[in-house]
Amino acid sequence: MELPIDLWMEKRKLEDRIDPKDKWTTDSMGSMFDGLCITADIDNAQPVLVSDYSEENQENENGVADYIALNPSGELHLPWNREISALNRPLVMGQAWDIIKVVAR
């Protein structure tokens, strides 16, 4: 499963989450990983929602949704993005008592 990237529109939606590249040059931790894996616990009552966009920039109408519904026991693998650091920080929304596990690989 992949979040779609349509360059001009997605860049606008990510603007509030994009930091200058030089801010990350001292972040040696980020360069050690190839990607993230997000897993939703099997005991979650409902899917958790994962998105690359701040909530105010999401489109959720006309059959288009800017999030992925991660069902209980589902996994989402996100490759590390070397160009747009905001894509390395997905937003997750769930309900009280939901559990997600995030693994950097």
PDB file of N, CA and C in Angstrom:
ATOM      1  N   MET A   1       0.852  -1.189   0.000  1.00  0.00           N
ATOM      2  CA  MET A   1       0.000   0.000   0.000  1.00  0.00           C
ATOM      3  C   MET A   1       0.887   1.238   0.000  1.00  0.00           C
ATOM      4  N   GLU A   2       0.581   2.183  -0.847  1.00  0.00           N
ATOM      5  CA  GLU A   2       1.381   3.403  -0.918  1.00  0.00           C
ATOM      6  C   GLU A   2       0.481   4.616  -0.855  1.00  0.00           C
ATOM      7  N   LEU A   3       0.963   5.671  -0.202  1.00  0.00           N
ATOM      8  CA  LEU A   3       0.263   6.948  -0.266  1.00  0.00           C
ATOM      9  C   LEU A   3       0.642   7.593  -1.596  1.00  0.00           C
ATOM     10  N   PRO A   4      -0.347   8.055  -2.362  1.00  0.00           N
ATOM     11  CA  PRO A   4      -0.028   8.611  -3.689  1.00  0.00           C
ATOM     12  C   PRO A   4       0.721   9.933  -3.574  1.00  0.00           C
ATOM     13  N   ILE A   5       1.658  10.152  -4.476  1.00  0.00           N
ATOM     14  CA  ILE A   5       2.389  11.419  -4.526  1.00  0.00           C
ATOM     15  C   ILE A   5       2.179  12.039  -5.899  1.00  0.00           C
ATOM     16  N   ASP A   6       1.480  13.156  -5.923  1.00  0.00           N
ATOM     17  CA  ASP A   6       1.262  13.934  -7.136  1.00  0.00           C
ATOM     18  C   ASP A   6       1.981  15.260  -6.867  1.00  0.00           C
ATOM     19  N   LEU A   7       3.133  15.462  -7.516  1.00  0.00           N
ATOM     20  CA  LEU A   7       4.109  16.433  -7.082  1.00  0.00           C
ATOM     21  C   LEU A   7       3.577  17.812  -6.707  1.00  0.00           C
ATOM     22  N   TRP A   8       2.859  18.491  -7.609  1.00  0.00           N
ATOM     23  CA  TRP A   8       2.484  19.876  -7.280  1.00  0.00           C
ATOM     24  C   TRP A   8       1.468  19.927  -6.147  1.00  0.00           C
ATOM     25  N   MET A   9       0.480  19.051  -6.133  1.00  0.00           N
ATOM     26  CA  MET A   9      -0.540  19.093  -5.085  1.00  0.00           C
ATOM     27  C   MET A   9       0.014  18.600  -3.759  1.00  0.00           C
ATOM     28  N   GLU A  10       0.773  17.510  -3.789  1.00  0.00           N
ATOM     29  CA  GLU A  10       1.297  16.958  -2.553  1.00  0.00           C
ATOM     30  C   GLU A  10       2.293  17.909  -1.897  1.00  0.00           C
ATOM     31  N   LYS A  11       3.078  18.602  -2.696  1.00  0.00           N
ATOM     32  CA  LYS A  11       4.029  19.551  -2.111  1.00  0.00           C
ATOM     33  C   LYS A  11       3.289  20.651  -1.359  1.00  0.00           C
ATOM     34  N   ARG A  12       2.175  21.106  -1.912  1.00  0.00           N
ATOM     35  CA  ARG A  12       1.376  22.126  -1.231  1.00  0.00           C
ATOM     36  C   ARG A  12       0.826  21.580   0.089  1.00  0.00           C
ATOM     37  N   LYS A  13       0.359  20.340   0.079  1.00  0.00           N
ATOM     38  CA  LYS A  13      -0.217  19.754   1.288  1.00  0.00           C
ATOM     39  C   LYS A  13       0.836  19.508   2.360  1.00  0.00           C
ATOM     40  N   LEU A  14       2.092  19.331   1.935  1.00  0.00           N
ATOM     41  CA  LEU A  14       3.166  19.034   2.882  1.00  0.00           C
ATOM     42  C   LEU A  14       3.914  20.275   3.355  1.00  0.00           C
ATOM     43  N   GLU A  15       3.582  21.441   2.792  1.00  0.00           N
ATOM     44  CA  GLU A  15       4.391  22.632   3.070  1.00  0.00           C
ATOM     45  C   GLU A  15       4.559  22.916   4.554  1.00  0.00           C
ATOM     46  N   ASP A  16       3.532  22.690   5.345  1.00  0.00           N
ATOM     47  CA  ASP A  16       3.638  22.994   6.776  1.00  0.00           C
ATOM     48  C   ASP A  16       4.485  21.968   7.524  1.00  0.00           C
ATOM     49  N   ARG A  17       4.931  20.931   6.839  1.00  0.00           N
ATOM     50  CA  ARG A  17       5.735  19.891   7.500  1.00  0.00           C
ATOM     51  C   ARG A  17       7.128  19.765   6.891  1.00  0.00           C
ATOM     52  N   ILE A  18       7.456  20.604   5.898  1.00  0.00           N
ATOM     53  CA  ILE A  18       8.768  20.517   5.260  1.00  0.00           C
ATOM     54  C   ILE A  18       9.753  21.427   5.983  1.00  0.00           C
ATOM     55  N   ASP A  19      10.872  20.863   6.383  1.00  0.00           N
ATOM     56  CA  ASP A  19      11.932  21.619   7.043  1.00  0.00           C
ATOM     57  C   ASP A  19      13.075  21.830   6.059  1.00  0.00           C
ATOM     58  N   PRO A  20      13.881  22.856   6.295  1.00  0.00           N
ATOM     59  CA  PRO A  20      15.044  23.051   5.419  1.00  0.00           C
ATOM     60  C   PRO A  20      15.940  21.815   5.448  1.00  0.00           C
ATOM     61  N   LYS A  21      16.505  21.481   4.290  1.00  0.00           N
ATOM     62  CA  LYS A  21      17.350  20.282   4.209  1.00  0.00           C
ATOM     63  C   LYS A  21      18.531  20.342   5.164  1.00  0.00           C
ATOM     64  N   ASP A  22      19.102  21.543   5.340  1.00  0.00           N
ATOM     65  CA  ASP A  22      20.289  21.624   6.187  1.00  0.00           C
ATOM     66  C   ASP A  22      19.990  21.317   7.652  1.00  0.00           C
ATOM     67  N   LYS A  23      18.717  21.372   8.034  1.00  0.00           N
ATOM     68  CA  LYS A  23      18.363  21.025   9.409  1.00  0.00           C
ATOM     69  C   LYS A  23      18.668  19.553   9.678  1.00  0.00           C
ATOM     70  N   TRP A  24      18.594  18.717   8.637  1.00  0.00           N
ATOM     71  CA  TRP A  24      18.752  17.268   8.811  1.00  0.00           C
ATOM     72  C   TRP A  24      20.176  16.785   8.540  1.00  0.00           C
ATOM     73  N   THR A  25      21.070  17.681   8.174  1.00  0.00           N
ATOM     74  CA  THR A  25      22.424  17.216   7.846  1.00  0.00           C
ATOM     75  C   THR A  25      23.137  16.662   9.069  1.00  0.00           C
ATOM     76  N   THR A  26      22.761  17.122  10.252  1.00  0.00           N
ATOM     77  CA  THR A  26      23.398  16.609  11.457  1.00  0.00           C
ATOM     78  C   THR A  26      22.629  15.423  12.042  1.00  0.00           C
ATOM     79  N   ASP A  27      21.556  15.021  11.377  1.00  0.00           N
ATOM     80  CA  ASP A  27      20.740  13.913  11.876  1.00  0.00           C
ATOM     81  C   ASP A  27      21.291  12.602  11.330  1.00  0.00           C
ATOM     82  N   SER A  28      22.343  12.094  11.958  1.00  0.00           N
ATOM     83  CA  SER A  28      22.951  10.855  11.479  1.00  0.00           C
ATOM     84  C   SER A  28      22.049   9.658  11.752  1.00  0.00           C
ATOM     85  N   MET A  29      21.137   9.808  12.720  1.00  0.00           N
ATOM     86  CA  MET A  29      20.226   8.719  13.049  1.00  0.00           C
ATOM     87  C   MET A  29      19.367   8.361  11.829  1.00  0.00           C
ATOM     88  N   GLY A  30      18.834   9.379  11.144  1.00  0.00           N
ATOM     89  CA  GLY A  30      17.965   9.141  10.000  1.00  0.00           C
ATOM     90  C   GLY A  30      18.656   8.407   8.876  1.00  0.00           C
ATOM     91  N   SER A  31      19.939   8.659   8.680  1.00  0.00           N
ATOM     92  CA  SER A  31      20.654   8.022   7.572  1.00  0.00           C
ATOM     93  C   SER A  31      20.922   6.542   7.825  1.00  0.00           C
ATOM     94  N   MET A  32      20.678   6.079   9.034  1.00  0.00           N
ATOM     95  CA  MET A  32      20.934   4.673   9.353  1.00  0.00           C
ATOM     96  C   MET A  32      19.796   3.749   8.915  1.00  0.00           C
ATOM     97  N   PHE A  33      18.641   4.303   8.587  1.00  0.00           N
ATOM     98  CA  PHE A  33      17.475   3.470   8.319  1.00  0.00           C
ATOM     99  C   PHE A  33      17.050   3.527   6.857  1.00  0.00           C
ATOM    100  N   ASP A  34      16.464   2.444   6.391  1.00  0.00           N
ATOM    101  CA  ASP A  34      15.942   2.380   5.031  1.00  0.00           C
ATOM    102  C   ASP A  34      14.447   2.623   4.982  1.00  0.00           C
ATOM    103  N   GLY A  35      13.757   2.460   6.108  1.00  0.00           N
ATOM    104  CA  GLY A  35      12.317   2.660   6.093  1.00  0.00           C
ATOM    105  C   GLY A  35      11.695   2.427   7.446  1.00  0.00           C
ATOM    106  N   LEU A  36      10.397   2.654   7.506  1.00  0.00           N
ATOM    107  CA  LEU A  36       9.612   2.440   8.721  1.00  0.00           C
ATOM    108  C   LEU A  36       8.571   1.371   8.463  1.00  0.00           C
ATOM    109  N   CYS A  37       8.248   0.607   9.470  1.00  0.00           N
ATOM    110  CA  CYS A  37       7.147  -0.346   9.404  1.00  0.00           C
ATOM    111  C   CYS A  37       6.190  -0.002  10.540  1.00  0.00           C
ATOM    112  N   ILE A  38       4.938   0.266  10.204  1.00  0.00           N
ATOM    113  CA  ILE A  38       3.906   0.559  11.199  1.00  0.00           C
ATOM    114  C   ILE A  38       2.960  -0.632  11.230  1.00  0.00           C
ATOM    115  N   THR A  39       2.748  -1.175  12.420  1.00  0.00           N
ATOM    116  CA  THR A  39       1.858  -2.323  12.589  1.00  0.00           C
ATOM    117  C   THR A  39       0.757  -1.959  13.568  1.00  0.00           C
ATOM    118  N   ALA A  40      -0.494  -2.263  13.195  1.00  0.00           N
ATOM    119  CA  ALA A  40      -1.628  -2.041  14.086  1.00  0.00           C
ATOM    120  C   ALA A  40      -1.871  -3.312  14.892  1.00  0.00           C
ATOM    121  N   ASP A  41      -2.076  -3.141  16.187  1.00  0.00           N
ATOM    122  CA  ASP A  41      -2.281  -4.287  17.074  1.00  0.00           C
ATOM    123  C   ASP A  41      -3.548  -5.043  16.700  1.00  0.00           C
ATOM    124  N   ILE A  42      -3.527  -6.360  16.846  1.00  0.00           N
ATOM    125  CA  ILE A  42      -4.673  -7.195  16.489  1.00  0.00           C
ATOM    126  C   ILE A  42      -5.886  -6.914  17.376  1.00  0.00           C
ATOM    127  N   ASP A  43      -5.673  -6.356  18.560  1.00  0.00           N
ATOM    128  CA  ASP A  43      -6.772  -6.088  19.485  1.00  0.00           C
ATOM    129  C   ASP A  43      -7.395  -4.707  19.316  1.00  0.00           C
ATOM    130  N   ASN A  44      -6.909  -3.895  18.371  1.00  0.00           N
ATOM    131  CA  ASN A  44      -7.534  -2.594  18.126  1.00  0.00           C
ATOM    132  C   ASN A  44      -8.980  -2.798  17.687  1.00  0.00           C
ATOM    133  N   ALA A  45      -9.871  -1.924  18.152  1.00  0.00           N
ATOM    134  CA  ALA A  45     -11.292  -2.061  17.825  1.00  0.00           C
ATOM    135  C   ALA A  45     -11.595  -1.626  16.393  1.00  0.00           C
ATOM    136  N   GLN A  46     -10.896  -0.606  15.892  1.00  0.00           N
ATOM    137  CA  GLN A  46     -11.138  -0.039  14.567  1.00  0.00           C
ATOM    138  C   GLN A  46      -9.795   0.158  13.856  1.00  0.00           C
ATOM    139  N   PRO A  47      -9.843   0.409  12.546  1.00  0.00           N
ATOM    140  CA  PRO A  47      -8.593   0.735  11.844  1.00  0.00           C
ATOM    141  C   PRO A  47      -7.996   2.042  12.383  1.00  0.00           C
ATOM    142  N   VAL A  48      -6.672   2.169  12.331  1.00  0.00           N
ATOM    143  CA  VAL A  48      -6.021   3.448  12.587  1.00  0.00           C
ATOM    144  C   VAL A  48      -5.729   4.075  11.235  1.00  0.00           C
ATOM    145  N   LEU A  49      -5.721   5.397  11.178  1.00  0.00           N
ATOM    146  CA  LEU A  49      -5.528   6.116   9.929  1.00  0.00           C
ATOM    147  C   LEU A  49      -4.112   6.668   9.868  1.00  0.00           C
ATOM    148  N   VAL A  50      -3.439   6.428   8.755  1.00  0.00           N
ATOM    149  CA  VAL A  50      -2.062   6.878   8.569  1.00  0.00           C
ATOM    150  C   VAL A  50      -2.027   7.815   7.368  1.00  0.00           C
ATOM    151  N   SER A  51      -1.397   8.988   7.547  1.00  0.00           N
ATOM    152  CA  SER A  51      -1.343   9.960   6.459  1.00  0.00           C
ATOM    153  C   SER A  51      -0.015  10.698   6.468  1.00  0.00           C
ATOM    154  N   ASP A  52       0.338  11.252   5.317  1.00  0.00           N
ATOM    155  CA  ASP A  52       1.514  12.115   5.214  1.00  0.00           C
ATOM    156  C   ASP A  52       1.150  13.583   5.383  1.00  0.00           C
ATOM    157  N   TYR A  53      -0.128  13.885   5.484  1.00  0.00           N
ATOM    158  CA  TYR A  53      -0.574  15.273   5.493  1.00  0.00           C
ATOM    159  C   TYR A  53      -1.126  15.670   6.846  1.00  0.00           C
ATOM    160  N   SER A  54      -0.957  16.939   7.199  1.00  0.00           N
ATOM    161  CA  SER A  54      -1.642  17.476   8.369  1.00  0.00           C
ATOM    162  C   SER A  54      -3.139  17.390   8.114  1.00  0.00           C
ATOM    163  N   GLU A  55      -3.911  17.251   9.164  1.00  0.00           N
ATOM    164  CA  GLU A  55      -5.345  17.010   9.015  1.00  0.00           C
ATOM    165  C   GLU A  55      -6.038  18.094   8.196  1.00  0.00           C
ATOM    166  N   GLU A  56      -5.641  19.352   8.386  1.00  0.00           N
ATOM    167  CA  GLU A  56      -6.301  20.449   7.660  1.00  0.00           C
ATOM    168  C   GLU A  56      -6.012  20.424   6.164  1.00  0.00           C
ATOM    169  N   ASN A  57      -4.983  19.688   5.736  1.00  0.00           N
ATOM    170  CA  ASN A  57      -4.636  19.614   4.312  1.00  0.00           C
ATOM    171  C   ASN A  57      -5.121  18.337   3.640  1.00  0.00           C
ATOM    172  N   GLN A  58      -5.817  17.479   4.370  1.00  0.00           N
ATOM    173  CA  GLN A  58      -6.272  16.225   3.786  1.00  0.00           C
ATOM    174  C   GLN A  58      -7.535  16.424   2.958  1.00  0.00           C
ATOM    175  N   GLU A  59      -7.633  15.643   1.897  1.00  0.00           N
ATOM    176  CA  GLU A  59      -8.858  15.575   1.091  1.00  0.00           C
ATOM    177  C   GLU A  59      -9.541  14.264   1.408  1.00  0.00           C
ATOM    178  N   ASN A  60     -10.774  14.340   1.846  1.00  0.00           N
ATOM    179  CA  ASN A  60     -11.511  13.130   2.191  1.00  0.00           C
ATOM    180  C   ASN A  60     -12.935  13.226   1.653  1.00  0.00           C
ATOM    181  N   GLU A  61     -13.048  13.380   0.345  1.00  0.00           N
ATOM    182  CA  GLU A  61     -14.365  13.488  -0.273  1.00  0.00           C
ATOM    183  C   GLU A  61     -14.301  12.996  -1.712  1.00  0.00           C
ATOM    184  N   ASN A  62     -15.457  12.793  -2.302  1.00  0.00           N
ATOM    185  CA  ASN A  62     -15.562  12.345  -3.701  1.00  0.00           C
ATOM    186  C   ASN A  62     -14.738  11.091  -3.991  1.00  0.00           C
ATOM    187  N   GLY A  63     -14.733  10.156  -3.056  1.00  0.00           N
ATOM    188  CA  GLY A  63     -14.027   8.901  -3.281  1.00  0.00           C
ATOM    189  C   GLY A  63     -12.518   9.003  -3.175  1.00  0.00           C
ATOM    190  N   VAL A  64     -12.004  10.170  -2.741  1.00  0.00           N
ATOM    191  CA  VAL A  64     -10.565  10.362  -2.581  1.00  0.00           C
ATOM    192  C   VAL A  64     -10.262  10.521  -1.097  1.00  0.00           C
ATOM    193  N   ALA A  65      -9.311   9.772  -0.602  1.00  0.00           N
ATOM    194  CA  ALA A  65      -8.908   9.893   0.797  1.00  0.00           C
ATOM    195  C   ALA A  65      -7.392   9.986   0.876  1.00  0.00           C
ATOM    196  N   ASP A  66      -6.902  10.940   1.644  1.00  0.00           N
ATOM    197  CA  ASP A  66      -5.468  11.140   1.799  1.00  0.00           C
ATOM    198  C   ASP A  66      -4.928  10.411   3.025  1.00  0.00           C
ATOM    199  N   TYR A  67      -5.471   9.260   3.287  1.00  0.00           N
ATOM    200  CA  TYR A  67      -4.960   8.444   4.379  1.00  0.00           C
ATOM    201  C   TYR A  67      -5.155   6.980   4.026  1.00  0.00           C
ATOM    202  N   ILE A  68      -4.445   6.129   4.742  1.00  0.00           N
ATOM    203  CA  ILE A  68      -4.607   4.688   4.609  1.00  0.00           C
ATOM    204  C   ILE A  68      -5.213   4.184   5.903  1.00  0.00           C
ATOM    205  N   ALA A  69      -6.294   3.417   5.798  1.00  0.00           N
ATOM    206  CA  ALA A  69      -6.904   2.793   6.971  1.00  0.00           C
ATOM    207  C   ALA A  69      -6.165   1.483   7.229  1.00  0.00           C
ATOM    208  N   LEU A  70      -5.444   1.445   8.330  1.00  0.00           N
ATOM    209  CA  LEU A  70      -4.643   0.275   8.675  1.00  0.00           C
ATOM    210  C   LEU A  70      -5.451  -0.598   9.627  1.00  0.00           C
ATOM    211  N   ASN A  71      -5.979  -1.690   9.099  1.00  0.00           N
ATOM    212  CA  ASN A  71      -6.841  -2.571   9.894  1.00  0.00           C
ATOM    213  C   ASN A  71      -6.058  -3.265  11.007  1.00  0.00           C
ATOM    214  N   PRO A  72      -6.759  -3.738  12.045  1.00  0.00           N
ATOM    215  CA  PRO A  72      -6.082  -4.481  13.102  1.00  0.00           C
ATOM    216  C   PRO A  72      -5.238  -5.614  12.513  1.00  0.00           C
ATOM    217  N   SER A  73      -4.040  -5.746  12.984  1.00  0.00           N
ATOM    218  CA  SER A  73      -3.000  -6.687  12.555  1.00  0.00           C
ATOM    219  C   SER A  73      -2.423  -6.346  11.182  1.00  0.00           C
ATOM    220  N   GLY A  74      -2.792  -5.192  10.617  1.00  0.00           N
ATOM    221  CA  GLY A  74      -2.228  -4.769   9.328  1.00  0.00           C
ATOM    222  C   GLY A  74      -0.859  -4.137   9.491  1.00  0.00           C
ATOM    223  N   GLU A  75      -0.076  -4.164   8.409  1.00  0.00           N
ATOM    224  CA  GLU A  75       1.262  -3.572   8.393  1.00  0.00           C
ATOM    225  C   GLU A  75       1.383  -2.604   7.240  1.00  0.00           C
ATOM    226  N   LEU A  76       2.138  -1.540   7.460  1.00  0.00           N
ATOM    227  CA  LEU A  76       2.411  -0.561   6.415  1.00  0.00           C
ATOM    228  C   LEU A  76       3.910  -0.314   6.391  1.00  0.00           C
ATOM    229  N   HIS A  77       4.536  -0.500   5.222  1.00  0.00           N
ATOM    230  CA  HIS A  77       5.975  -0.286   5.075  1.00  0.00           C
ATOM    231  C   HIS A  77       6.193   0.999   4.294  1.00  0.00           C
ATOM    232  N   LEU A  78       6.935   1.928   4.879  1.00  0.00           N
ATOM    233  CA  LEU A  78       7.203   3.215   4.238  1.00  0.00           C
ATOM    234  C   LEU A  78       8.701   3.363   4.015  1.00  0.00           C
ATOM    235  N   PRO A  79       9.147   3.471   2.759  1.00  0.00           N
ATOM    236  CA  PRO A  79      10.580   3.658   2.505  1.00  0.00           C
ATOM    237  C   PRO A  79      11.036   5.025   3.003  1.00  0.00           C
ATOM    238  N   TRP A  80      12.263   5.109   3.464  1.00  0.00           N
ATOM    239  CA  TRP A  80      12.831   6.366   3.936  1.00  0.00           C
ATOM    240  C   TRP A  80      12.989   7.313   2.754  1.00  0.00           C
ATOM    241  N   ASN A  81      12.460   8.522   2.855  1.00  0.00           N
ATOM    242  CA  ASN A  81      12.540   9.487   1.768  1.00  0.00           C
ATOM    243  C   ASN A  81      13.713  10.433   2.027  1.00  0.00           C
ATOM    244  N   ARG A  82      14.693  10.396   1.143  1.00  0.00           N
ATOM    245  CA  ARG A  82      15.909  11.198   1.334  1.00  0.00           C
ATOM    246  C   ARG A  82      15.701  12.653   0.909  1.00  0.00           C
ATOM    247  N   GLU A  83      14.650  12.945   0.137  1.00  0.00           N
ATOM    248  CA  GLU A  83      14.454  14.290  -0.395  1.00  0.00           C
ATOM    249  C   GLU A  83      13.468  15.122   0.423  1.00  0.00           C
ATOM    250  N   ILE A  84      12.377  14.504   0.871  1.00  0.00           N
ATOM    251  CA  ILE A  84      11.344  15.258   1.597  1.00  0.00           C
ATOM    252  C   ILE A  84      11.210  14.653   2.987  1.00  0.00           C
ATOM    253  N   SER A  85      11.812  15.301   3.950  1.00  0.00           N
ATOM    254  CA  SER A  85      11.857  14.725   5.299  1.00  0.00           C
ATOM    255  C   SER A  85      10.478  14.576   5.922  1.00  0.00           C
ATOM    256  N   ALA A  86       9.510  15.397   5.491  1.00  0.00           N
ATOM    257  CA  ALA A  86       8.154  15.306   6.041  1.00  0.00           C
ATOM    258  C   ALA A  86       7.536  13.937   5.770  1.00  0.00           C
ATOM    259  N   LEU A  87       7.928  13.297   4.676  1.00  0.00           N
ATOM    260  CA  LEU A  87       7.378  11.981   4.353  1.00  0.00           C
ATOM    261  C   LEU A  87       7.907  10.898   5.289  1.00  0.00           C
ATOM    262  N   ASN A  88       8.928  11.222   6.060  1.00  0.00           N
ATOM    263  CA  ASN A  88       9.460  10.267   7.024  1.00  0.00           C
ATOM    264  C   ASN A  88       8.743  10.355   8.367  1.00  0.00           C
ATOM    265  N   ARG A  89       7.775  11.267   8.468  1.00  0.00           N
ATOM    266  CA  ARG A  89       7.072  11.465   9.734  1.00  0.00           C
ATOM    267  C   ARG A  89       5.567  11.323   9.504  1.00  0.00           C
ATOM    268  N   PRO A  90       5.085  10.121   9.238  1.00  0.00           N
ATOM    269  CA  PRO A  90       3.652   9.947   8.989  1.00  0.00           C
ATOM    270  C   PRO A  90       2.839  10.282  10.233  1.00  0.00           C
ATOM    271  N   LEU A  91       1.626  10.766  10.010  1.00  0.00           N
ATOM    272  CA  LEU A  91       0.690  11.084  11.087  1.00  0.00           C
ATOM    273  C   LEU A  91      -0.248   9.904  11.261  1.00  0.00           C
ATOM    274  N   VAL A  92      -0.512   9.514  12.487  1.00  0.00           N
ATOM    275  CA  VAL A  92      -1.392   8.380  12.760  1.00  0.00           C
ATOM    276  C   VAL A  92      -2.522   8.844  13.679  1.00  0.00           C
ATOM    277  N   MET A  93      -3.752   8.493  13.313  1.00  0.00           N
ATOM    278  CA  MET A  93      -4.900   8.837  14.143  1.00  0.00           C
ATOM    279  C   MET A  93      -5.648   7.564  14.495  1.00  0.00           C
ATOM    280  N   GLY A  94      -5.938   7.399  15.761  1.00  0.00           N
ATOM    281  CA  GLY A  94      -6.690   6.230  16.205  1.00  0.00           C
ATOM    282  C   GLY A  94      -7.641   6.623  17.311  1.00  0.00           C
ATOM    283  N   GLN A  95      -8.037   5.664  18.105  1.00  0.00           N
ATOM    284  CA  GLN A  95      -8.931   5.910  19.221  1.00  0.00           C
ATOM    285  C   GLN A  95      -8.200   5.557  20.512  1.00  0.00           C
ATOM    286  N   ALA A  96      -8.801   5.969  21.621  1.00  0.00           N
ATOM    287  CA  ALA A  96      -8.188   5.653  22.910  1.00  0.00           C
ATOM    288  C   ALA A  96      -7.969   4.145  23.014  1.00  0.00           C
ATOM    289  N   TRP A  97      -6.844   3.762  23.530  1.00  0.00           N
ATOM    290  CA  TRP A  97      -6.432   2.374  23.778  1.00  0.00           C
ATOM    291  C   TRP A  97      -5.941   1.638  22.535  1.00  0.00           C
ATOM    292  N   ASP A  98      -5.973   2.268  21.354  1.00  0.00           N
ATOM    293  CA  ASP A  98      -5.368   1.629  20.179  1.00  0.00           C
ATOM    294  C   ASP A  98      -3.865   1.511  20.402  1.00  0.00           C
ATOM    295  N   ILE A  99      -3.275   0.488  19.830  1.00  0.00           N
ATOM    296  CA  ILE A  99      -1.836   0.278  19.929  1.00  0.00           C
ATOM    297  C   ILE A  99      -1.269   0.175  18.524  1.00  0.00           C
ATOM    298  N   ILE A 100      -0.196   0.935  18.266  1.00  0.00           N
ATOM    299  CA  ILE A 100       0.557   0.763  17.025  1.00  0.00           C
ATOM    300  C   ILE A 100       2.018   0.535  17.397  1.00  0.00           C
ATOM    301  N   LYS A 101       2.710  -0.190  16.549  1.00  0.00           N
ATOM    302  CA  LYS A 101       4.130  -0.439  16.749  1.00  0.00           C
ATOM    303  C   LYS A 101       4.861   0.129  15.544  1.00  0.00           C
ATOM    304  N   VAL A 102       5.917   0.882  15.801  1.00  0.00           N
ATOM    305  CA  VAL A 102       6.715   1.482  14.735  1.00  0.00           C
ATOM    306  C   VAL A 102       8.130   0.938  14.828  1.00  0.00           C
ATOM    307  N   VAL A 103       8.615   0.386  13.722  1.00  0.00           N
ATOM    308  CA  VAL A 103       9.959  -0.187  13.684  1.00  0.00           C
ATOM    309  C   VAL A 103      10.725   0.498  12.551  1.00  0.00           C
ATOM    310  N   ALA A 104      11.891   1.018  12.870  1.00  0.00           N
ATOM    311  CA  ALA A 104      12.783   1.565  11.837  1.00  0.00           C
ATOM    312  C   ALA A 104      13.752   0.461  11.441  1.00  0.00           C
ATOM    313  N   ARG A 105      13.907   0.274  10.127  1.00  0.00           N
ATOM    314  CA  ARG A 105      14.773  -0.827   9.652  1.00  0.00           C
ATOM    315  C   ARG A 105      15.893  -0.287   8.800  1.00  0.00           C
TER     316      ARG A 105
END
